Amino acid sequence: MACPEAMGGGGASIYEQSLVYEELGWGSSGLALSLVVSQIPFLALSAHASADLQDQYLRPYLEDRQAEFIGCYPVTEPAHGSDLFFIGNPVHGGRSEWSLARLNYETNAYLDERRNEWVINGQKAQWITNTSIATHAFVLAALQAGGSAGFLVPLSTAGVERGVALEKLGQREMNQAGISFKDVRIPYDHMLIGPGDYQRFISNAFGNAYILIGAVCVGIARAALEEAVAFCKARVQGGARLVEHQDVQRRLMDLFAEVELMRAYIRSLARYHSDAAKTRLMHYSAVARGHVSKQAFKVCSDALDLFGHVGFSKGVLIEKLYRDARMTRMMGGAGTVAQLRAAQEFFS
């Protein structure tokens, strides 16, 4: 959907994508977020790879109709989580030199000049999306020579080891597992993002992803609102349907207002970012990631209250939506830390 039409993709703008991901989030937020992540290695190929690499990996992906090409994006590490947002960025306030001296990817890569191959070593965290089912990864790592880079790694390569899928609180339909690299060798041209392009890539990649995560959150919240309205129309309490009680009407309208405000923000931001000439402004995208996910969880929580004890039962959709919404608070890094990273740009 997001790859250029000239290459055989859909050429969809970030605004058009946001409409699709809202609907996917309404139906299954775990699947929707899995799809957000799955495309990342191939989007990197479409923008940064040679024609030969695109013929080898990208075109088969675009022609795939059997889910034979699934991407993952190993970023988070056992000792590094949301703080990885600050790699390659100055830290304003506090002991910036102390922070930057100790902050880098644990996963590392060096160039074996004799064989003209990159050698990757390291471990990523247990909650990397799609890892145990993915075929290709876009791996971020520290270069032995300095700086950070992004590598395309086919996961059939020797030295790649993957963990067992996690059992999670919510979004259980989204596969997540750990991954490690032990002397994994890839050709020289599989480094798609070098140190010079790293920061711009990260800003645009997370800027776009946060808009789509926000759209998924809108879909979750909308589903919770619709479930609450349907339940209140059917449930009788105090001799009348819940929807006939004025306080319930007021509470439902509060939920409606929250959903519409979230949707308006995401769509407005997505329209702005649909102009490819504009730089992704992280402080706007961080609101989509941080505040919108927080509001989606609040909508689901308030909607669940209207169900009473019925809402706490397994098999009732609102219970699943509540758990799924809670998971979005950590999707792509903690929303609070994403906003702190964005504050650097906002106050600079």
C-alpha atoms as a PDB file:
ATOM      1  CA  MET A   1       0.000   0.000   0.000  1.00  0.00           C
ATOM      2  CA  ALA A   2       2.720   2.501   0.938  1.00  0.00           C
ATOM      3  CA  CYS A   3       5.315   1.607  -1.706  1.00  0.00           C
ATOM      4  CA  PRO A   4       5.524   3.798  -4.846  1.00  0.00           C
ATOM      5  CA  GLU A   5       3.201   2.984  -7.723  1.00  0.00           C
ATOM      6  CA  ALA A   6       6.144   3.016 -10.135  1.00  0.00           C
ATOM      7  CA  MET A   7       7.528  -0.022  -8.306  1.00  0.00           C
ATOM      8  CA  GLY A   8       4.207  -1.849  -8.252  1.00  0.00           C
ATOM      9  CA  GLY A   9       2.959  -0.624  -4.885  1.00  0.00           C
ATOM     10  CA  GLY A  10      -0.238   1.186  -4.052  1.00  0.00           C
ATOM     11  CA  GLY A  11       1.330   4.618  -3.739  1.00  0.00           C
ATOM     12  CA  ALA A  12      -1.047   5.471  -0.891  1.00  0.00           C
ATOM     13  CA  SER A  13      -0.458   8.706   1.002  1.00  0.00           C
ATOM     14  CA  ILE A  14      -0.084   8.616   4.759  1.00  0.00           C
ATOM     15  CA  TYR A  15      -3.610  10.080   4.956  1.00  0.00           C
ATOM     16  CA  GLU A  16      -5.054   7.259   2.833  1.00  0.00           C
ATOM     17  CA  GLN A  17      -3.145   4.734   4.918  1.00  0.00           C
ATOM     18  CA  SER A  18      -4.521   6.239   8.131  1.00  0.00           C
ATOM     19  CA  LEU A  19      -8.097   5.644   6.923  1.00  0.00           C
ATOM     20  CA  VAL A  20      -7.305   1.986   6.246  1.00  0.00           C
ATOM     21  CA  TYR A  21      -5.552   1.480   9.580  1.00  0.00           C
ATOM     22  CA  GLU A  22      -8.435   3.024  11.515  1.00  0.00           C
ATOM     23  CA  GLU A  23     -10.712   0.386  10.006  1.00  0.00           C
ATOM     24  CA  LEU A  24      -8.189  -2.380  10.666  1.00  0.00           C
ATOM     25  CA  GLY A  25      -7.835  -1.150  14.257  1.00  0.00           C
ATOM     26  CA  TRP A  26     -11.617  -1.303  14.644  1.00  0.00           C
ATOM     27  CA  GLY A  27     -11.544  -4.960  13.619  1.00  0.00           C
ATOM     28  CA  SER A  28      -8.252  -6.227  15.084  1.00  0.00           C
ATOM     29  CA  SER A  29      -5.655  -3.855  16.484  1.00  0.00           C
ATOM     30  CA  GLY A  30      -3.087  -6.635  16.849  1.00  0.00           C
ATOM     31  CA  LEU A  31      -3.306  -7.552  13.174  1.00  0.00           C
ATOM     32  CA  ALA A  32      -3.307  -3.865  12.194  1.00  0.00           C
ATOM     33  CA  LEU A  33      -0.133  -3.110  14.160  1.00  0.00           C
ATOM     34  CA  SER A  34       1.500  -6.271  12.842  1.00  0.00           C
ATOM     35  CA  LEU A  35       0.912  -4.928   9.329  1.00  0.00           C
ATOM     36  CA  VAL A  36       2.344  -1.497  10.232  1.00  0.00           C
ATOM     37  CA  VAL A  37       5.588  -3.201  11.258  1.00  0.00           C
ATOM     38  CA  SER A  38       5.632  -5.819   8.502  1.00  0.00           C
ATOM     39  CA  GLN A  39       6.102  -3.236   5.767  1.00  0.00           C
ATOM     40  CA  ILE A  40       9.135  -1.454   7.295  1.00  0.00           C
ATOM     41  CA  PRO A  41      11.976  -3.528   5.734  1.00  0.00           C
ATOM     42  CA  PHE A  42      10.335  -3.236   2.338  1.00  0.00           C
ATOM     43  CA  LEU A  43       9.687   0.491   2.618  1.00  0.00           C
ATOM     44  CA  ALA A  44      13.387   0.887   3.435  1.00  0.00           C
ATOM     45  CA  LEU A  45      14.181  -1.136   0.312  1.00  0.00           C
ATOM     46  CA  SER A  46      11.896   1.047  -1.823  1.00  0.00           C
ATOM     47  CA  ALA A  47      13.637   4.241  -0.691  1.00  0.00           C
ATOM     48  CA  HIS A  48      17.254   3.262  -0.121  1.00  0.00           C
ATOM     49  CA  ALA A  49      18.209   0.062  -1.959  1.00  0.00           C
ATOM     50  CA  SER A  50      19.895  -0.494  -5.300  1.00  0.00           C
ATOM     51  CA  ALA A  51      17.851  -1.642  -8.287  1.00  0.00           C
ATOM     52  CA  ASP A  52      19.367  -5.116  -7.950  1.00  0.00           C
ATOM     53  CA  LEU A  53      18.266  -5.412  -4.303  1.00  0.00           C
ATOM     54  CA  GLN A  54      14.806  -4.145  -5.180  1.00  0.00           C
ATOM     55  CA  ASP A  55      14.513  -6.808  -7.874  1.00  0.00           C
ATOM     56  CA  GLN A  56      15.697  -9.447  -5.402  1.00  0.00           C
ATOM     57  CA  TYR A  57      13.468  -8.550  -2.440  1.00  0.00           C
ATOM     58  CA  LEU A  58      11.037  -5.704  -3.072  1.00  0.00           C
ATOM     59  CA  ARG A  59       9.308  -6.818  -6.254  1.00  0.00           C
ATOM     60  CA  PRO A  60       8.585 -10.342  -4.938  1.00  0.00           C
ATOM     61  CA  TYR A  61       7.145  -8.729  -1.797  1.00  0.00           C
ATOM     62  CA  LEU A  62       4.864  -6.468  -3.836  1.00  0.00           C
ATOM     63  CA  GLU A  63       3.702  -9.427  -5.926  1.00  0.00           C
ATOM     64  CA  ASP A  64       3.183 -11.674  -2.884  1.00  0.00           C
ATOM     65  CA  ARG A  65      -0.409 -12.747  -2.227  1.00  0.00           C
ATOM     66  CA  GLN A  66       0.341 -15.642   0.151  1.00  0.00           C
ATOM     67  CA  ALA A  67       2.059 -13.759   3.042  1.00  0.00           C
ATOM     68  CA  GLU A  68       5.383 -15.309   2.099  1.00  0.00           C
ATOM     69  CA  PHE A  69       7.158 -11.995   2.827  1.00  0.00           C
ATOM     70  CA  ILE A  70       6.688 -10.705   6.367  1.00  0.00           C
ATOM     71  CA  GLY A  71       8.867  -7.999   7.882  1.00  0.00           C
ATOM     72  CA  CYS A  72       9.983  -7.180  11.398  1.00  0.00           C
ATOM     73  CA  TYR A  73      11.863  -4.203  12.835  1.00  0.00           C
ATOM     74  CA  PRO A  74      14.230  -5.217  15.661  1.00  0.00           C
ATOM     75  CA  VAL A  75      14.993  -2.029  17.583  1.00  0.00           C
ATOM     76  CA  THR A  76      14.367  -2.554  21.312  1.00  0.00           C
ATOM     77  CA  GLU A  77      17.071  -4.376  23.283  1.00  0.00           C
ATOM     78  CA  PRO A  78      17.203  -6.096  26.694  1.00  0.00           C
ATOM     79  CA  ALA A  79      18.923  -3.133  28.350  1.00  0.00           C
ATOM     80  CA  HIS A  80      17.533  -0.438  26.050  1.00  0.00           C
ATOM     81  CA  GLY A  81      13.876   0.327  25.458  1.00  0.00           C
ATOM     82  CA  SER A  82      12.264   3.660  24.748  1.00  0.00           C
ATOM     83  CA  ASP A  83      15.524   5.459  25.597  1.00  0.00           C
ATOM     84  CA  LEU A  84      16.770   4.394  22.164  1.00  0.00           C
ATOM     85  CA  PHE A  85      14.828   7.380  20.815  1.00  0.00           C
ATOM     86  CA  PHE A  86      17.743   9.494  22.002  1.00  0.00           C
ATOM     87  CA  ILE A  87      20.493   7.720  20.058  1.00  0.00           C
ATOM     88  CA  GLY A  88      22.072  10.236  17.717  1.00  0.00           C
ATOM     89  CA  ASN A  89      20.253  13.165  19.348  1.00  0.00           C
ATOM     90  CA  PRO A  90      21.492  15.881  21.684  1.00  0.00           C
ATOM     91  CA  VAL A  91      19.869  15.761  25.107  1.00  0.00           C
ATOM     92  CA  HIS A  92      18.599  19.129  26.327  1.00  0.00           C
ATOM     93  CA  GLY A  93      18.619  19.508  30.082  1.00  0.00           C
ATOM     94  CA  GLY A  94      20.237  17.318  32.689  1.00  0.00           C
ATOM     95  CA  ARG A  95      23.639  15.707  32.316  1.00  0.00           C
ATOM     96  CA  SER A  96      23.637  15.376  28.539  1.00  0.00           C
ATOM     97  CA  GLU A  97      27.273  14.287  28.199  1.00  0.00           C
ATOM     98  CA  TRP A  98      26.772  11.576  30.832  1.00  0.00           C
ATOM     99  CA  SER A  99      23.660  10.294  29.022  1.00  0.00           C
ATOM    100  CA  LEU A 100      25.053  10.217  25.498  1.00  0.00           C
ATOM    101  CA  ALA A 101      28.299   8.560  26.572  1.00  0.00           C
ATOM    102  CA  ARG A 102      26.372   5.504  27.723  1.00  0.00           C
ATOM    103  CA  LEU A 103      23.612   5.337  25.129  1.00  0.00           C
ATOM    104  CA  ASN A 104      24.009   3.237  22.017  1.00  0.00           C
ATOM    105  CA  TYR A 105      22.743   0.031  20.456  1.00  0.00           C
ATOM    106  CA  GLU A 106      24.093  -3.114  22.045  1.00  0.00           C
ATOM    107  CA  THR A 107      23.640  -4.887  18.720  1.00  0.00           C
ATOM    108  CA  ASN A 108      26.694  -4.044  16.631  1.00  0.00           C
ATOM    109  CA  ALA A 109      28.045  -4.492  13.136  1.00  0.00           C
ATOM    110  CA  TYR A 110      31.484  -4.360  11.576  1.00  0.00           C
ATOM    111  CA  LEU A 111      32.696  -4.636   7.995  1.00  0.00           C
ATOM    112  CA  ASP A 112      34.770  -7.658   7.072  1.00  0.00           C
ATOM    113  CA  GLU A 113      36.677  -5.963   4.266  1.00  0.00           C
ATOM    114  CA  ARG A 114      38.265  -9.203   3.110  1.00  0.00           C
ATOM    115  CA  ARG A 115      34.876 -10.672   2.231  1.00  0.00           C
ATOM    116  CA  ASN A 116      33.036  -7.330   1.762  1.00  0.00           C
ATOM    117  CA  GLU A 117      30.374  -8.442   4.225  1.00  0.00           C
ATOM    118  CA  TRP A 118      28.785  -6.944   7.305  1.00  0.00           C
ATOM    119  CA  VAL A 119      28.940  -9.068  10.443  1.00  0.00           C
ATOM    120  CA  ILE A 120      26.157  -8.474  12.983  1.00  0.00           C
ATOM    121  CA  ASN A 121      26.167  -9.572  16.616  1.00  0.00           C
ATOM    122  CA  GLY A 122      23.785  -8.852  19.471  1.00  0.00           C
ATOM    123  CA  GLN A 123      20.380  -9.469  20.944  1.00  0.00           C
ATOM    124  CA  LYS A 124      17.062  -7.684  20.688  1.00  0.00           C
ATOM    125  CA  ALA A 125      14.239  -7.736  23.229  1.00  0.00           C
ATOM    126  CA  GLN A 126      11.510 -10.366  23.633  1.00  0.00           C
ATOM    127  CA  TRP A 127       8.696  -8.180  22.284  1.00  0.00           C
ATOM    128  CA  ILE A 128       9.809  -7.476  18.701  1.00  0.00           C
ATOM    129  CA  THR A 129       6.678  -7.557  16.538  1.00  0.00           C
ATOM    130  CA  ASN A 130       6.368 -10.362  13.950  1.00  0.00           C
ATOM    131  CA  THR A 131       9.734 -11.858  14.876  1.00  0.00           C
ATOM    132  CA  SER A 132       8.882 -15.544  15.090  1.00  0.00           C
ATOM    133  CA  ILE A 133       6.920 -15.459  11.803  1.00  0.00           C
ATOM    134  CA  ALA A 134       8.930 -12.859   9.835  1.00  0.00           C
ATOM    135  CA  THR A 135      11.037 -13.594   6.762  1.00  0.00           C
ATOM    136  CA  HIS A 136      13.036 -10.343   6.678  1.00  0.00           C
ATOM    137  CA  ALA A 137      14.201  -7.860   9.273  1.00  0.00           C
ATOM    138  CA  PHE A 138      15.366  -4.268   9.155  1.00  0.00           C
ATOM    139  CA  VAL A 139      17.909  -4.279  11.976  1.00  0.00           C
ATOM    140  CA  LEU A 140      19.276  -1.148  13.639  1.00  0.00           C
ATOM    141  CA  ALA A 141      22.779  -1.557  15.049  1.00  0.00           C
ATOM    142  CA  ALA A 142      25.835   0.395  16.172  1.00  0.00           C
ATOM    143  CA  LEU A 143      28.766   0.444  13.775  1.00  0.00           C
ATOM    144  CA  GLN A 144      32.141  -0.524  15.131  1.00  0.00           C
ATOM    145  CA  ALA A 145      33.541   2.472  13.242  1.00  0.00           C
ATOM    146  CA  GLY A 146      31.012   4.807  14.912  1.00  0.00           C
ATOM    147  CA  GLY A 147      27.431   5.869  14.351  1.00  0.00           C
ATOM    148  CA  SER A 148      24.310   3.785  13.763  1.00  0.00           C
ATOM    149  CA  ALA A 149      22.994   2.050  10.677  1.00  0.00           C
ATOM    150  CA  GLY A 150      20.091  -0.023   9.343  1.00  0.00           C
ATOM    151  CA  PHE A 151      20.539  -3.413   7.687  1.00  0.00           C
ATOM    152  CA  LEU A 152      18.275  -5.687   5.683  1.00  0.00           C
ATOM    153  CA  VAL A 153      18.678  -9.189   7.136  1.00  0.00           C
ATOM    154  CA  PRO A 154      16.942 -12.179   5.534  1.00  0.00           C
ATOM    155  CA  LEU A 155      16.015 -14.246   8.577  1.00  0.00           C
ATOM    156  CA  SER A 156      17.055 -17.495   6.909  1.00  0.00           C
ATOM    157  CA  THR A 157      20.674 -16.296   7.261  1.00  0.00           C
ATOM    158  CA  ALA A 158      22.967 -18.459   9.413  1.00  0.00           C
ATOM    159  CA  GLY A 159      23.407 -17.143  12.953  1.00  0.00           C
ATOM    160  CA  VAL A 160      19.878 -15.745  13.368  1.00  0.00           C
ATOM    161  CA  GLU A 161      18.051 -17.227  16.348  1.00  0.00           C
ATOM    162  CA  ARG A 162      14.435 -16.482  17.234  1.00  0.00           C
ATOM    163  CA  GLY A 163      12.525 -16.989  20.452  1.00  0.00           C
ATOM    164  CA  VAL A 164       9.063 -18.314  21.196  1.00  0.00           C
ATOM    165  CA  ALA A 165       6.090 -16.002  20.734  1.00  0.00           C
ATOM    166  CA  LEU A 166       5.020 -14.207  23.910  1.00  0.00           C
ATOM    167  CA  GLU A 167       1.692 -14.676  25.631  1.00  0.00           C
ATOM    168  CA  LYS A 168       0.552 -11.124  26.303  1.00  0.00           C
ATOM    169  CA  LEU A 169      -2.078  -9.128  28.167  1.00  0.00           C
ATOM    170  CA  GLY A 170      -3.612  -7.882  24.940  1.00  0.00           C
ATOM    171  CA  GLN A 171      -3.208  -7.789  21.161  1.00  0.00           C
ATOM    172  CA  ARG A 172      -2.643 -11.518  21.290  1.00  0.00           C
ATOM    173  CA  GLU A 173      -3.154 -11.814  17.550  1.00  0.00           C
ATOM    174  CA  MET A 174       0.074  -9.789  17.094  1.00  0.00           C
ATOM    175  CA  ASN A 175       3.114 -12.064  17.112  1.00  0.00           C
ATOM    176  CA  GLN A 176       6.001 -10.867  19.297  1.00  0.00           C
ATOM    177  CA  ALA A 177       9.239 -12.690  20.179  1.00  0.00           C
ATOM    178  CA  GLY A 178      12.943 -12.179  20.780  1.00  0.00           C
ATOM    179  CA  ILE A 179      15.731 -12.399  18.221  1.00  0.00           C
ATOM    180  CA  SER A 180      19.514 -12.618  18.402  1.00  0.00           C
ATOM    181  CA  PHE A 181      22.381 -12.434  15.922  1.00  0.00           C
ATOM    182  CA  LYS A 182      25.612 -14.403  16.204  1.00  0.00           C
ATOM    183  CA  ASP A 183      28.173 -13.618  13.508  1.00  0.00           C
ATOM    184  CA  VAL A 184      25.380 -13.041  11.012  1.00  0.00           C
ATOM    185  CA  ARG A 185      26.935 -12.205   7.648  1.00  0.00           C
ATOM    186  CA  ILE A 186      25.152 -10.171   4.991  1.00  0.00           C
ATOM    187  CA  PRO A 187      26.434  -8.622   1.744  1.00  0.00           C
ATOM    188  CA  TYR A 188      27.832  -5.089   1.798  1.00  0.00           C
ATOM    189  CA  ASP A 189      24.874  -3.573  -0.078  1.00  0.00           C
ATOM    190  CA  HIS A 190      22.426  -4.836   2.582  1.00  0.00           C
ATOM    191  CA  MET A 191      23.273  -1.815   4.716  1.00  0.00           C
ATOM    192  CA  LEU A 192      20.415   0.405   3.546  1.00  0.00           C
ATOM    193  CA  ILE A 193      20.819   3.295   5.999  1.00  0.00           C
ATOM    194  CA  GLY A 194      24.256   4.622   6.910  1.00  0.00           C
ATOM    195  CA  PRO A 195      25.213   6.986   9.749  1.00  0.00           C
ATOM    196  CA  GLY A 196      24.655  10.042   7.557  1.00  0.00           C
ATOM    197  CA  ASP A 197      21.034   9.103   6.790  1.00  0.00           C
ATOM    198  CA  TYR A 198      20.206   7.480  10.103  1.00  0.00           C
ATOM    199  CA  GLN A 199      18.626  10.410  11.933  1.00  0.00           C
ATOM    200  CA  ARG A 200      16.419  11.515   9.065  1.00  0.00           C
ATOM    201  CA  PHE A 201      15.255   7.946   8.496  1.00  0.00           C
ATOM    202  CA  ILE A 202      14.376   7.469  12.172  1.00  0.00           C
ATOM    203  CA  SER A 203      12.411  10.725  12.322  1.00  0.00           C
ATOM    204  CA  ASN A 204      10.398   9.919   9.202  1.00  0.00           C
ATOM    205  CA  ALA A 205       9.901   6.241  10.031  1.00  0.00           C
ATOM    206  CA  PHE A 206       8.648   6.871  13.553  1.00  0.00           C
ATOM    207  CA  GLY A 207       6.775  10.000  12.466  1.00  0.00           C
ATOM    208  CA  ASN A 208       4.751   7.966   9.968  1.00  0.00           C
ATOM    209  CA  ALA A 209       4.395   4.935  12.230  1.00  0.00           C
ATOM    210  CA  TYR A 210       3.044   7.073  15.074  1.00  0.00           C
ATOM    211  CA  ILE A 211       0.320   8.459  12.824  1.00  0.00           C
ATOM    212  CA  LEU A 212      -0.702   4.920  11.860  1.00  0.00           C
ATOM    213  CA  ILE A 213      -0.565   3.732  15.477  1.00  0.00           C
ATOM    214  CA  GLY A 214      -2.772   6.695  16.351  1.00  0.00           C
ATOM    215  CA  ALA A 215      -5.214   5.685  13.612  1.00  0.00           C
ATOM    216  CA  VAL A 216      -5.327   2.147  15.022  1.00  0.00           C
ATOM    217  CA  CYS A 217      -6.068   3.629  18.461  1.00  0.00           C
ATOM    218  CA  VAL A 218      -8.969   5.581  16.983  1.00  0.00           C
ATOM    219  CA  GLY A 219     -10.308   2.315  15.562  1.00  0.00           C
ATOM    220  CA  ILE A 220     -10.088   0.608  18.967  1.00  0.00           C
ATOM    221  CA  ALA A 221     -11.856   3.512  20.684  1.00  0.00           C
ATOM    222  CA  ARG A 222     -14.553   3.626  18.011  1.00  0.00           C
ATOM    223  CA  ALA A 223     -15.200  -0.086  18.453  1.00  0.00           C
ATOM    224  CA  ALA A 224     -15.493   0.401  22.232  1.00  0.00           C
ATOM    225  CA  LEU A 225     -17.980   3.245  21.760  1.00  0.00           C
ATOM    226  CA  GLU A 226     -20.095   1.180  19.377  1.00  0.00           C
ATOM    227  CA  GLU A 227     -20.086  -1.785  21.763  1.00  0.00           C
ATOM    228  CA  ALA A 228     -21.131   0.463  24.659  1.00  0.00           C
ATOM    229  CA  VAL A 229     -23.976   2.034  22.682  1.00  0.00           C
ATOM    230  CA  ALA A 230     -25.266  -1.370  21.553  1.00  0.00           C
ATOM    231  CA  PHE A 231     -25.094  -2.753  25.102  1.00  0.00           C
ATOM    232  CA  CYS A 232     -26.845   0.261  26.622  1.00  0.00           C
ATOM    233  CA  LYS A 233     -29.647  -0.008  24.085  1.00  0.00           C
ATOM    234  CA  ALA A 234     -30.273  -3.640  25.051  1.00  0.00           C
ATOM    235  CA  ARG A 235     -29.543  -3.761  28.794  1.00  0.00           C
ATOM    236  CA  VAL A 236     -32.438  -3.031  31.171  1.00  0.00           C
ATOM    237  CA  GLN A 237     -31.728  -1.578  34.625  1.00  0.00           C
ATOM    238  CA  GLY A 238     -34.066   0.267  36.973  1.00  0.00           C
ATOM    239  CA  GLY A 239     -37.045  -0.606  34.803  1.00  0.00           C
ATOM    240  CA  ALA A 240     -35.650   1.053  31.678  1.00  0.00           C
ATOM    241  CA  ARG A 241     -32.966   0.476  29.074  1.00  0.00           C
ATOM    242  CA  LEU A 242     -29.634   1.945  30.130  1.00  0.00           C
ATOM    243  CA  VAL A 243     -29.673   4.303  27.156  1.00  0.00           C
ATOM    244  CA  GLU A 244     -32.862   5.901  28.514  1.00  0.00           C
ATOM    245  CA  HIS A 245     -31.092   7.059  31.701  1.00  0.00           C
ATOM    246  CA  GLN A 246     -29.838  10.633  31.345  1.00  0.00           C
ATOM    247  CA  ASP A 247     -26.511   9.997  33.054  1.00  0.00           C
ATOM    248  CA  VAL A 248     -25.792   7.139  30.662  1.00  0.00           C
ATOM    249  CA  GLN A 249     -26.687   9.380  27.715  1.00  0.00           C
ATOM    250  CA  ARG A 250     -24.222  11.994  28.993  1.00  0.00           C
ATOM    251  CA  ARG A 251     -21.476   9.380  29.447  1.00  0.00           C
ATOM    252  CA  LEU A 252     -22.000   7.998  25.954  1.00  0.00           C
ATOM    253  CA  MET A 253     -21.798  11.494  24.490  1.00  0.00           C
ATOM    254  CA  ASP A 254     -18.521  12.057  26.358  1.00  0.00           C
ATOM    255  CA  LEU A 255     -17.155   8.909  24.704  1.00  0.00           C
ATOM    256  CA  PHE A 256     -18.437  10.059  21.312  1.00  0.00           C
ATOM    257  CA  ALA A 257     -16.711  13.427  21.744  1.00  0.00           C
ATOM    258  CA  GLU A 258     -13.390  11.794  22.684  1.00  0.00           C
ATOM    259  CA  VAL A 259     -13.465   9.491  19.651  1.00  0.00           C
ATOM    260  CA  GLU A 260     -14.287  12.322  17.258  1.00  0.00           C
ATOM    261  CA  LEU A 261     -11.546  14.578  18.666  1.00  0.00           C
ATOM    262  CA  MET A 262      -8.997  11.771  18.356  1.00  0.00           C
ATOM    263  CA  ARG A 263     -10.088  11.053  14.808  1.00  0.00           C
ATOM    264  CA  ALA A 264      -9.977  14.724  13.822  1.00  0.00           C
ATOM    265  CA  TYR A 265      -6.419  15.107  15.124  1.00  0.00           C
ATOM    266  CA  ILE A 266      -5.112  11.991  13.381  1.00  0.00           C
ATOM    267  CA  ARG A 267      -6.742  12.858  10.069  1.00  0.00           C
ATOM    268  CA  SER A 268      -5.560  16.476  10.205  1.00  0.00           C
ATOM    269  CA  LEU A 269      -2.002  15.378  10.947  1.00  0.00           C
ATOM    270  CA  ALA A 270      -2.086  12.675   8.270  1.00  0.00           C
ATOM    271  CA  ARG A 271      -3.268  15.209   5.665  1.00  0.00           C
ATOM    272  CA  TYR A 272      -0.366  17.487   6.568  1.00  0.00           C
ATOM    273  CA  HIS A 273       2.168  14.672   6.332  1.00  0.00           C
ATOM    274  CA  SER A 274       0.758  13.517   3.002  1.00  0.00           C
ATOM    275  CA  ASP A 275       2.807  16.318   1.469  1.00  0.00           C
ATOM    276  CA  ALA A 276       6.069  14.444   0.880  1.00  0.00           C
ATOM    277  CA  ALA A 277       8.018  17.704   0.685  1.00  0.00           C
ATOM    278  CA  LYS A 278       7.404  18.451   4.345  1.00  0.00           C
ATOM    279  CA  THR A 279       9.663  17.141   7.068  1.00  0.00           C
ATOM    280  CA  ARG A 280       7.963  14.933   9.628  1.00  0.00           C
ATOM    281  CA  LEU A 281       7.473  17.035  12.748  1.00  0.00           C
ATOM    282  CA  MET A 282       8.066  14.673  15.638  1.00  0.00           C
ATOM    283  CA  HIS A 283       6.270  16.765  18.269  1.00  0.00           C
ATOM    284  CA  TYR A 284       3.010  16.432  16.312  1.00  0.00           C
ATOM    285  CA  SER A 285       3.490  12.721  15.660  1.00  0.00           C
ATOM    286  CA  ALA A 286       4.388  12.141  19.325  1.00  0.00           C
ATOM    287  CA  VAL A 287       0.945  13.462  20.289  1.00  0.00           C
ATOM    288  CA  ALA A 288      -0.567  10.894  17.926  1.00  0.00           C
ATOM    289  CA  ARG A 289       1.509   8.229  19.628  1.00  0.00           C
ATOM    290  CA  GLY A 290       1.323   9.364  23.259  1.00  0.00           C
ATOM    291  CA  HIS A 291      -1.840  11.343  23.907  1.00  0.00           C
ATOM    292  CA  VAL A 292      -4.138   9.566  21.450  1.00  0.00           C
ATOM    293  CA  SER A 293      -3.208   6.127  22.800  1.00  0.00           C
ATOM    294  CA  LYS A 294      -3.861   7.412  26.328  1.00  0.00           C
ATOM    295  CA  GLN A 295      -7.286   8.708  25.306  1.00  0.00           C
ATOM    296  CA  ALA A 296      -8.127   5.465  23.524  1.00  0.00           C
ATOM    297  CA  PHE A 297      -7.421   3.543  26.711  1.00  0.00           C
ATOM    298  CA  LYS A 298      -9.591   5.988  28.663  1.00  0.00           C
ATOM    299  CA  VAL A 299     -12.461   5.539  26.209  1.00  0.00           C
ATOM    300  CA  CYS A 300     -12.221   1.754  26.527  1.00  0.00           C
ATOM    301  CA  SER A 301     -12.052   1.977  30.314  1.00  0.00           C
ATOM    302  CA  ASP A 302     -15.045   4.312  30.550  1.00  0.00           C
ATOM    303  CA  ALA A 303     -16.983   2.162  28.068  1.00  0.00           C
ATOM    304  CA  LEU A 304     -16.235  -0.944  30.118  1.00  0.00           C
ATOM    305  CA  ASP A 305     -17.697   0.777  33.206  1.00  0.00           C
ATOM    306  CA  LEU A 306     -21.069   0.925  31.455  1.00  0.00           C
ATOM    307  CA  PHE A 307     -21.090  -2.876  31.157  1.00  0.00           C
ATOM    308  CA  GLY A 308     -20.712  -3.448  34.900  1.00  0.00           C
ATOM    309  CA  HIS A 309     -19.490  -6.937  35.768  1.00  0.00           C
ATOM    310  CA  VAL A 310     -20.554  -8.200  32.337  1.00  0.00           C
ATOM    311  CA  GLY A 311     -17.621  -6.276  30.860  1.00  0.00           C
ATOM    312  CA  PHE A 312     -15.044  -8.169  32.932  1.00  0.00           C
ATOM    313  CA  SER A 313     -16.010 -11.552  31.491  1.00  0.00           C
ATOM    314  CA  LYS A 314     -13.876 -13.326  28.920  1.00  0.00           C
ATOM    315  CA  GLY A 315     -15.591 -13.588  25.581  1.00  0.00           C
ATOM    316  CA  VAL A 316     -17.142 -10.118  25.860  1.00  0.00           C
ATOM    317  CA  LEU A 317     -15.573  -7.889  23.219  1.00  0.00           C
ATOM    318  CA  ILE A 318     -15.218  -4.825  25.449  1.00  0.00           C
ATOM    319  CA  GLU A 319     -12.891  -6.816  27.729  1.00  0.00           C
ATOM    320  CA  LYS A 320     -10.594  -7.543  24.782  1.00  0.00           C
ATOM    321  CA  LEU A 321     -10.720  -3.943  23.542  1.00  0.00           C
ATOM    322  CA  TYR A 322      -9.740  -2.726  27.017  1.00  0.00           C
ATOM    323  CA  ARG A 323      -6.707  -5.043  27.075  1.00  0.00           C
ATOM    324  CA  ASP A 324      -5.740  -4.168  23.516  1.00  0.00           C
ATOM    325  CA  ALA A 325      -5.946  -0.437  24.213  1.00  0.00           C
ATOM    326  CA  ARG A 326      -3.677  -0.850  27.226  1.00  0.00           C
ATOM    327  CA  MET A 327      -1.046  -2.461  25.011  1.00  0.00           C
ATOM    328  CA  THR A 328      -0.945   0.536  22.668  1.00  0.00           C
ATOM    329  CA  ARG A 329       0.613   2.594  25.464  1.00  0.00           C
ATOM    330  CA  MET A 330       3.866   0.701  24.803  1.00  0.00           C
ATOM    331  CA  MET A 331       3.623   0.076  21.063  1.00  0.00           C
ATOM    332  CA  GLY A 332       6.683   1.534  19.352  1.00  0.00           C
ATOM    333  CA  GLY A 333       8.086   2.682  22.694  1.00  0.00           C
ATOM    334  CA  ALA A 334       6.481   4.265  25.725  1.00  0.00           C
ATOM    335  CA  GLY A 335       4.259   7.180  24.747  1.00  0.00           C
ATOM    336  CA  THR A 336       5.621   9.319  27.576  1.00  0.00           C
ATOM    337  CA  VAL A 337       9.217   8.903  26.379  1.00  0.00           C
ATOM    338  CA  ALA A 338       8.227   9.512  22.759  1.00  0.00           C
ATOM    339  CA  GLN A 339       6.781  12.850  23.840  1.00  0.00           C
ATOM    340  CA  LEU A 340       9.959  13.639  25.782  1.00  0.00           C
ATOM    341  CA  ARG A 341      12.010  12.953  22.648  1.00  0.00           C
ATOM    342  CA  ALA A 342       9.672  15.217  20.673  1.00  0.00           C
ATOM    343  CA  ALA A 343      10.118  17.960  23.247  1.00  0.00           C
ATOM    344  CA  GLN A 344      13.730  18.326  22.111  1.00  0.00           C
ATOM    345  CA  GLU A 345      12.478  19.438  18.714  1.00  0.00           C
ATOM    346  CA  PHE A 346       9.620  21.520  20.135  1.00  0.00           C
ATOM    347  CA  PHE A 347      11.823  23.568  22.465  1.00  0.00           C
ATOM    348  CA  SER A 348      14.877  23.833  20.209  1.00  0.00           C
END
